[in-house]
Protein backbone atom coordinates (compact mmCIF):
# COMPACT_ATOMS: atom_id res chain seq x y z
CA MET A 1 -2.19 -103.98 97.43
CA GLU A 2 -2.26 -103.55 93.67
CA VAL A 3 -0.89 -100.24 92.40
CA ARG A 4 -2.99 -98.76 89.56
CA TYR A 5 -1.39 -96.32 87.15
CA GLN A 6 -3.32 -93.85 85.08
CA GLY A 7 -2.86 -94.85 81.45
CA VAL A 8 -1.16 -92.62 78.91
CA GLN A 9 -3.01 -92.07 75.60
CA ILE A 10 -0.62 -92.13 72.63
CA HIS A 11 -0.57 -92.77 68.89
CA PRO A 12 0.68 -96.29 67.95
CA SER A 13 3.63 -94.72 66.13
CA GLN A 14 4.91 -93.55 69.54
CA LEU A 15 5.07 -97.06 70.93
CA VAL A 16 8.41 -98.71 71.59
CA PRO A 17 9.17 -102.33 72.54
CA GLY A 18 8.60 -102.78 76.27
CA CYS A 19 5.54 -100.52 76.53
CA ILE A 20 2.63 -102.11 78.43
CA ILE A 21 -0.91 -101.87 77.05
CA THR A 22 -3.33 -101.00 79.87
CA LYS A 23 -6.62 -101.20 77.95
CA ASP A 24 -7.83 -103.78 75.42
CA VAL A 25 -7.37 -102.52 71.84
CA PHE A 26 -10.28 -103.19 69.50
CA GLY A 27 -10.47 -102.84 65.73
CA LYS A 28 -13.52 -103.84 63.70
CA THR A 29 -13.57 -107.11 65.63
CA ASN A 30 -15.64 -108.53 68.50
CA ARG A 31 -12.52 -109.53 70.37
CA PRO A 32 -9.49 -107.37 71.16
CA LEU A 33 -6.68 -107.12 68.66
CA ILE A 34 -4.31 -106.74 71.60
CA TYR A 35 -5.21 -107.48 75.22
CA LYS A 36 -4.40 -105.24 78.17
CA ASN A 37 -1.15 -106.04 80.00
CA THR A 38 0.45 -107.06 76.71
CA VAL A 39 4.11 -106.04 76.48
CA ILE A 40 4.61 -104.44 73.09
CA LYS A 41 6.86 -106.02 70.47
CA ALA A 42 7.52 -104.87 66.91
CA ILE A 43 4.88 -107.24 65.58
CA HIS A 44 2.15 -105.50 67.62
CA LYS A 45 2.91 -102.18 65.93
CA GLN A 46 2.37 -103.82 62.55
CA VAL A 47 -1.02 -105.11 63.68
CA LEU A 48 -2.09 -101.69 64.98
CA ASP A 49 -1.00 -100.02 61.76
CA ARG A 50 -2.83 -102.59 59.63
CA PHE A 51 -6.08 -102.00 61.54
CA LEU A 52 -5.71 -98.21 61.34
CA ILE A 53 -5.73 -97.81 65.12
CA THR A 54 -5.13 -94.16 66.04
CA GLU A 55 -4.89 -94.31 69.84
CA VAL A 56 -3.80 -96.78 72.52
CA GLU A 57 -3.44 -96.57 76.29
CA VAL A 58 -0.14 -97.56 77.88
CA ALA A 59 1.34 -97.62 81.38
CA PRO A 60 3.58 -94.72 82.48
CA LYS A 61 6.31 -97.27 83.15
CA MET A 62 7.73 -99.86 80.78
CA ALA A 63 8.15 -103.58 81.51
CA SER A 64 11.74 -102.88 82.57
CA GLY A 65 10.50 -100.45 85.23
CA GLU A 66 11.82 -97.38 83.40
CA VAL A 67 9.57 -94.38 82.99
CA PHE A 68 8.05 -94.26 79.51
CA GLN A 69 8.67 -90.97 77.73
CA PRO A 70 7.01 -91.04 74.29
CA GLU A 71 8.61 -89.13 71.45
CA PRO A 72 6.55 -86.14 70.23
CA LEU A 73 3.94 -87.08 67.64
CA GLU A 74 4.68 -85.91 64.11
CA GLU A 75 2.31 -83.14 63.02
CA SER A 76 1.88 -84.87 59.67
CA LYS A 77 0.40 -87.94 61.32
CA GLN A 78 -3.24 -88.08 60.22
CA VAL A 79 -6.16 -90.19 61.37
CA HIS A 80 -6.84 -92.80 58.69
CA PRO A 81 -10.42 -93.31 57.50
CA SER A 82 -11.86 -96.66 58.45
CA PHE A 83 -12.85 -99.18 55.83
CA ASP A 84 -16.46 -100.32 55.90
CA GLU A 85 -16.86 -103.73 54.26
CA SER A 86 -20.13 -104.27 52.45
CA SER A 87 -22.08 -107.47 52.98
CA LEU A 88 -24.08 -109.56 50.59
CA PRO A 89 -27.81 -108.79 50.54
CA VAL A 90 -28.55 -112.54 50.18
CA PRO A 91 -26.46 -115.35 51.75
CA PHE A 92 -23.95 -116.52 49.18
CA LYS A 93 -23.93 -120.09 50.49
CA LYS A 94 -27.66 -120.52 49.83
CA HIS A 95 -27.30 -119.41 46.19
CA TYR A 96 -24.20 -121.53 45.74
CA LEU A 97 -25.75 -124.77 47.05
CA HIS A 98 -28.85 -124.20 44.91
CA ALA A 99 -26.65 -123.79 41.83
CA VAL A 100 -24.81 -127.04 42.64
CA GLN A 101 -28.06 -128.99 42.76
CA ILE A 102 -29.25 -127.51 39.46
CA TYR A 103 -25.90 -128.33 37.81
CA LYS A 104 -26.15 -131.87 39.20
CA GLY A 105 -29.48 -132.28 37.39
CA TRP A 106 -28.00 -130.97 34.14
CA PHE A 107 -25.05 -133.34 34.46
CA ALA A 108 -27.42 -136.31 34.74
CA GLU A 109 -29.22 -135.13 31.60
CA TRP A 110 -25.89 -134.88 29.73
CA GLN A 111 -25.03 -138.40 30.86
CA ALA A 112 -28.33 -139.52 29.30
CA GLY A 113 -27.39 -137.86 26.01
CA ALA A 114 -29.17 -134.49 26.30
CA SER A 115 -27.66 -131.40 24.67
CA LEU A 116 -26.34 -128.50 26.70
CA ASP A 117 -29.02 -125.79 27.21
CA ILE A 118 -26.99 -122.57 27.27
CA GLY A 119 -30.12 -120.46 27.76
CA ALA A 120 -30.98 -122.17 31.04
CA ILE A 121 -27.35 -122.05 32.13
CA ARG A 122 -27.08 -118.32 31.47
CA ASP A 123 -30.42 -117.59 33.17
CA LEU A 124 -29.20 -119.23 36.37
CA PHE A 125 -25.50 -118.43 36.47
CA VAL A 126 -25.12 -114.94 35.04
CA PRO A 127 -27.10 -113.34 37.94
CA LEU A 128 -25.11 -115.43 40.42
CA LEU A 129 -21.75 -114.49 38.90
CA LYS A 130 -22.73 -110.83 39.00
CA GLN A 131 -22.83 -111.11 42.79
CA LEU A 132 -19.05 -111.02 42.63
CA ASP A 133 -19.29 -107.22 42.60
CA ASN A 134 -20.36 -107.33 46.26
CA GLN A 135 -18.88 -110.64 47.26
CA SER A 136 -15.99 -110.92 49.69
CA ARG A 137 -12.95 -113.09 49.14
CA LYS A 138 -13.97 -114.96 52.28
CA ASP A 139 -16.75 -116.59 50.27
CA ILE A 140 -14.14 -117.93 47.86
CA LEU A 141 -12.00 -119.15 50.76
CA LEU A 142 -14.99 -121.00 52.19
CA LEU A 143 -16.02 -122.78 48.97
CA PRO A 144 -14.21 -126.03 49.92
CA HIS A 145 -16.28 -126.18 53.13
CA TYR A 146 -19.50 -126.37 51.16
CA SER A 147 -18.40 -129.37 49.10
CA SER A 148 -18.89 -133.09 49.76
CA LYS A 149 -16.94 -136.12 48.55
CA GLN A 150 -19.94 -137.71 46.84
CA ASP A 151 -20.93 -134.54 44.96
CA TYR A 152 -17.39 -133.33 44.29
CA PHE A 153 -17.76 -133.00 40.49
CA TYR A 154 -20.81 -130.75 40.76
CA HIS A 155 -19.26 -128.56 43.44
CA HIS A 156 -16.04 -128.41 41.45
CA ALA A 157 -17.76 -127.09 38.33
CA VAL A 158 -19.70 -124.37 40.18
CA SER A 159 -16.73 -123.39 42.36
CA THR A 160 -14.40 -123.19 39.35
CA ALA A 161 -16.92 -120.87 37.68
CA PHE A 162 -16.97 -118.51 40.66
CA ILE A 163 -13.21 -118.56 41.20
CA ALA A 164 -12.45 -117.97 37.50
CA ALA A 165 -14.91 -115.08 37.19
CA PHE A 166 -13.62 -113.59 40.46
CA LEU A 167 -10.05 -113.79 39.21
CA GLY A 168 -10.91 -112.41 35.77
CA GLU A 169 -12.53 -109.37 37.37
CA ARG A 170 -9.46 -108.85 39.58
CA LEU A 171 -7.24 -109.02 36.49
CA GLY A 172 -9.09 -106.08 34.96
CA MET A 173 -11.52 -107.78 32.58
CA ASN A 174 -14.79 -106.03 31.84
CA GLN A 175 -18.01 -107.63 33.03
CA GLY A 176 -18.82 -109.23 29.70
CA GLU A 177 -15.42 -110.91 29.61
CA TRP A 178 -15.40 -112.28 33.14
CA LEU A 179 -18.97 -113.52 32.80
CA GLN A 180 -17.89 -115.50 29.72
CA LEU A 181 -14.87 -116.70 31.70
CA GLY A 182 -17.13 -117.88 34.52
CA LEU A 183 -19.36 -119.80 32.13
CA ALA A 184 -16.26 -121.39 30.59
CA GLY A 185 -15.10 -122.46 34.05
CA LEU A 186 -18.53 -123.94 34.75
CA LEU A 187 -18.59 -125.94 31.50
CA SER A 188 -14.92 -126.95 31.37
CA ASP A 189 -15.72 -130.34 32.96
CA ALA A 190 -19.10 -130.88 31.30
CA GLY A 191 -17.46 -133.55 29.14
CA MET A 192 -16.97 -135.67 32.27
CA ALA A 193 -20.59 -136.72 31.63
CA LYS A 194 -19.39 -138.65 28.58
CA LEU A 195 -17.05 -140.83 30.67
CA ASN A 196 -17.75 -144.10 32.44
CA GLU A 197 -19.54 -143.27 35.71
CA SER A 198 -17.61 -145.95 37.60
CA THR A 199 -14.42 -144.05 36.80
CA LEU A 200 -15.89 -140.75 37.98
CA MET A 201 -17.08 -142.19 41.29
CA LYS A 202 -14.05 -144.36 42.00
CA ASP A 203 -12.83 -144.02 45.60
CA THR A 204 -9.25 -145.16 44.92
CA GLU A 205 -6.46 -143.84 42.73
CA LEU A 206 -7.13 -144.11 38.99
CA THR A 207 -5.30 -146.69 36.92
CA LYS A 208 -3.16 -145.54 34.01
CA GLU A 209 -5.91 -146.52 31.56
CA GLU A 210 -8.61 -144.72 33.57
CA TYR A 211 -6.46 -141.59 33.77
CA GLN A 212 -6.01 -141.65 29.98
CA ASP A 213 -9.81 -141.67 29.67
CA ILE A 214 -10.15 -138.75 32.10
CA LYS A 215 -7.68 -136.76 29.99
CA LYS A 216 -10.17 -136.84 27.10
CA HIS A 217 -12.80 -134.80 28.95
CA PRO A 218 -11.62 -131.34 27.71
CA ILE A 219 -12.26 -132.50 24.14
CA TYR A 220 -15.70 -133.83 25.06
CA SER A 221 -16.46 -130.55 26.85
CA TYR A 222 -15.36 -128.56 23.81
CA ARG A 223 -17.55 -130.64 21.50
CA MET A 224 -20.52 -129.79 23.71
CA VAL A 225 -19.95 -126.01 23.40
CA GLU A 226 -18.23 -125.49 20.04
CA ASN A 227 -21.41 -124.58 18.14
CA ILE A 228 -22.98 -122.40 20.85
CA SER A 229 -23.04 -118.82 19.54
CA ALA A 230 -23.75 -117.40 23.01
CA LEU A 231 -20.24 -118.43 24.09
CA SER A 232 -17.25 -116.44 22.87
CA LYS A 233 -14.26 -117.98 21.11
CA ALA A 234 -12.22 -117.19 24.22
CA ALA A 235 -14.66 -119.15 26.39
CA LYS A 236 -14.50 -122.16 24.05
CA LEU A 237 -10.70 -122.12 24.08
CA GLY A 238 -10.81 -121.87 27.86
CA VAL A 239 -12.92 -125.03 27.95
CA LEU A 240 -10.62 -126.91 25.57
CA GLN A 241 -7.28 -125.82 27.02
CA HIS A 242 -7.91 -125.61 30.78
CA HIS A 243 -5.60 -128.58 31.50
CA GLU A 244 -2.80 -127.39 29.22
CA ARG A 245 0.40 -126.18 30.88
CA LEU A 246 2.81 -123.48 29.77
CA ASP A 247 5.70 -125.95 29.38
CA GLY A 248 3.65 -128.24 27.12
CA SER A 249 3.21 -130.94 29.77
CA GLY A 250 -0.58 -130.64 29.92
CA TYR A 251 -3.40 -132.25 27.96
CA PRO A 252 -5.23 -132.95 25.68
CA LEU A 253 -2.97 -131.38 23.01
CA GLY A 254 0.26 -130.51 24.85
CA THR A 255 -0.17 -126.84 23.91
CA HIS A 256 2.60 -124.44 24.98
CA LYS A 257 2.27 -120.96 26.48
CA LYS A 258 2.08 -118.94 23.28
CA LYS A 259 -0.91 -120.94 22.04
CA THR A 260 -2.74 -121.24 25.38
CA HIS A 261 -5.49 -118.63 25.77
CA LEU A 262 -5.60 -116.42 28.89
CA PHE A 263 -9.04 -117.83 29.74
CA ALA A 264 -7.52 -121.32 29.87
CA ARG A 265 -4.64 -120.15 32.06
CA ILE A 266 -7.08 -118.57 34.53
CA ILE A 267 -9.33 -121.64 34.61
CA ALA A 268 -6.23 -123.81 35.14
CA VAL A 269 -5.39 -121.92 38.33
CA SER A 270 -9.02 -121.92 39.49
CA ASP A 271 -9.43 -125.63 38.76
CA MET A 272 -6.23 -126.66 40.52
CA TYR A 273 -6.88 -124.52 43.60
CA HIS A 274 -10.36 -125.92 44.18
CA ALA A 275 -9.35 -129.52 43.41
CA MET A 276 -6.51 -129.43 45.93
CA THR A 277 -8.48 -127.69 48.71
CA THR A 278 -11.52 -130.00 48.54
CA ASP A 279 -12.12 -133.50 49.88
CA ARG A 280 -12.46 -136.09 47.12
CA LEU A 281 -13.36 -139.78 47.21
CA TYR A 282 -9.71 -140.82 46.98
CA ARG A 283 -7.85 -137.81 48.34
CA SER A 284 -8.14 -135.50 51.36
CA LYS A 285 -8.17 -131.73 51.03
CA GLN A 286 -5.18 -129.51 51.74
CA SER A 287 -5.01 -126.09 53.37
CA PRO A 288 -5.88 -123.22 50.99
CA PHE A 289 -2.82 -121.30 52.17
CA LEU A 290 -0.53 -124.31 51.75
CA VAL A 291 -1.99 -124.92 48.27
CA MET A 292 -1.27 -121.32 47.29
CA GLU A 293 2.33 -121.77 48.45
CA LEU A 294 2.64 -124.95 46.40
CA MET A 295 1.17 -123.25 43.34
CA ILE A 296 3.72 -120.45 43.62
CA LYS A 297 6.72 -122.74 44.15
CA GLU A 298 6.08 -126.09 42.50
CA GLN A 299 3.96 -124.97 39.55
CA PHE A 300 6.34 -122.21 38.43
CA GLY A 301 6.79 -122.59 34.67
CA ARG A 302 3.63 -124.69 34.33
CA LEU A 303 0.97 -122.24 35.52
CA ASP A 304 0.85 -118.59 34.46
CA HIS A 305 2.84 -116.89 37.21
CA THR A 306 1.08 -113.55 36.73
CA VAL A 307 -2.31 -115.20 37.17
CA VAL A 308 -1.14 -117.14 40.24
CA GLN A 309 0.29 -114.00 41.84
CA ALA A 310 -2.92 -112.05 41.18
CA PHE A 311 -4.97 -114.86 42.69
CA VAL A 312 -2.81 -115.17 45.80
CA LYS A 313 -2.76 -111.40 46.32
CA SER A 314 -6.54 -111.13 45.99
CA MET A 315 -7.24 -114.05 48.31
CA THR A 316 -4.82 -113.06 51.04
CA ASN A 317 -5.74 -109.38 51.01
CA TYR A 318 -9.23 -110.42 52.07
CA ALA A 319 -8.07 -112.84 54.73
CA THR A 320 -7.87 -110.33 57.63
CA GLY A 321 -10.23 -111.37 60.40
CA THR A 322 -10.53 -114.93 59.10
CA LYS A 323 -10.63 -117.64 61.77
CA VAL A 324 -8.00 -120.29 61.16
CA LYS A 325 -6.46 -123.44 62.58
CA ILE A 326 -2.71 -123.78 62.20
CA SER A 327 -0.78 -127.00 61.68
CA ASP A 328 -0.09 -127.60 65.39
CA GLY A 329 -3.82 -127.52 66.17
CA GLN A 330 -4.02 -124.05 67.68
CA LYS A 331 -6.78 -121.68 66.55
CA GLY A 332 -6.69 -117.95 66.00
CA GLU A 333 -7.49 -115.03 63.76
CA ILE A 334 -5.50 -113.48 60.92
CA VAL A 335 -4.68 -109.88 61.85
CA PHE A 336 -2.07 -108.84 59.29
CA THR A 337 -0.64 -110.06 56.00
CA GLU A 338 2.81 -109.13 54.71
CA ALA A 339 2.77 -108.22 51.00
CA SER A 340 5.99 -110.16 50.42
CA GLN A 341 4.71 -113.31 52.21
CA PRO A 342 0.94 -113.29 51.66
CA THR A 343 0.42 -116.96 52.56
CA ARG A 344 2.21 -116.54 55.91
CA PRO A 345 0.25 -113.92 57.84
CA ILE A 346 0.41 -112.70 61.42
CA ILE A 347 -2.08 -114.55 63.62
CA ARG A 348 -3.51 -113.73 67.03
CA LEU A 349 -4.11 -117.10 68.71
CA ASP A 350 -7.10 -117.71 70.96
CA SER A 351 -4.64 -117.67 73.86
CA GLY A 352 -3.84 -114.03 73.03
CA GLU A 353 -0.34 -114.80 71.73
CA ILE A 354 0.59 -113.27 68.39
CA ILE A 355 2.76 -115.29 66.02
CA ASN A 356 4.28 -114.43 62.67
CA LEU A 357 4.29 -117.39 60.28
CA THR A 358 7.09 -115.83 58.25
CA GLU A 359 9.31 -116.44 61.28
CA THR A 360 7.97 -119.94 62.06
CA GLN A 361 8.37 -121.86 58.82
CA ASN A 362 7.52 -125.17 60.53
CA LEU A 363 3.92 -123.95 60.99
CA TYR A 364 1.31 -123.13 58.37
CA ILE A 365 -2.42 -122.49 58.21
CA ARG A 366 -4.08 -125.89 58.01
CA GLU A 367 -7.73 -124.92 57.84
CA ILE A 368 -10.01 -121.94 57.30
CA LEU A 369 -12.76 -122.06 59.94
CA THR A 370 -16.33 -121.03 59.16
């Protein structure tokens, strides 16, 4: 006959390893953060603290069989206010896909020799970029899911615009500045329309000669915007320099850090992130979290480290609750992110097990699930 104990209600700070949860613990999630009958470990306390849980129910005896005697609760311990995330009034994906199709039409016109119509571009994109005020980071994380191999260039331009504007706002720019930054991100690859279409749509690695042609596109893009008074000087430099690198290894001019504008450094991060996390005709996408790790480690000295850190911090701070698949195929939900290791969060697997990726370096988040 099963013996049922009356649960003890305590504050999470009173928990100790070995306590047994007797009632599912919910945060602002449809599924429990921690299931009943879970034996508490240190990692569970971090999760409860992150989700501002103020009360849990535990068994009067610990897993070892000893009687549980909680320490007195500190009088200074206060109930934390909950955070209510706002939602977009209109689905972001619908606006995004519409913008991609409009940009695709413009790109075809540029290929045919038409001039860039900045008025039409501003009329469509400025209202969309302003949605960033209410937009969650999850929308940015999901951008690669909306793309397709065949339409990669059009998705890339629109996504780079959103990511750059998002990052500019997070770096403290005023609205006028980050709107200009977003437009610069959108138009940074406009010069691709001046290249041979067979090169753009090639489904194998580029030859050395083809790559040399591709490297000319920032100059072509700049020529298309240099006389547009509605774009700031900063935006035009962002267009021209977005493939430059701080160590002088970039193109088209090999400009070093001191002569590379902040707009260009932000677009460089935005461009690289989206390119690496999206399927292309000749290359498969990589995990957003793995890409952020690579950008931190392998691009140090080439990308602006302050910009990269701001981007990673912004993206990972919004990742709580995101459904993910890790590299061994298991699925779960991000429940906590360590500030010192933002790309290696704590995950509650669908099985109920909680793992800390900072302690399991052989695993990483492979895919963000919609």
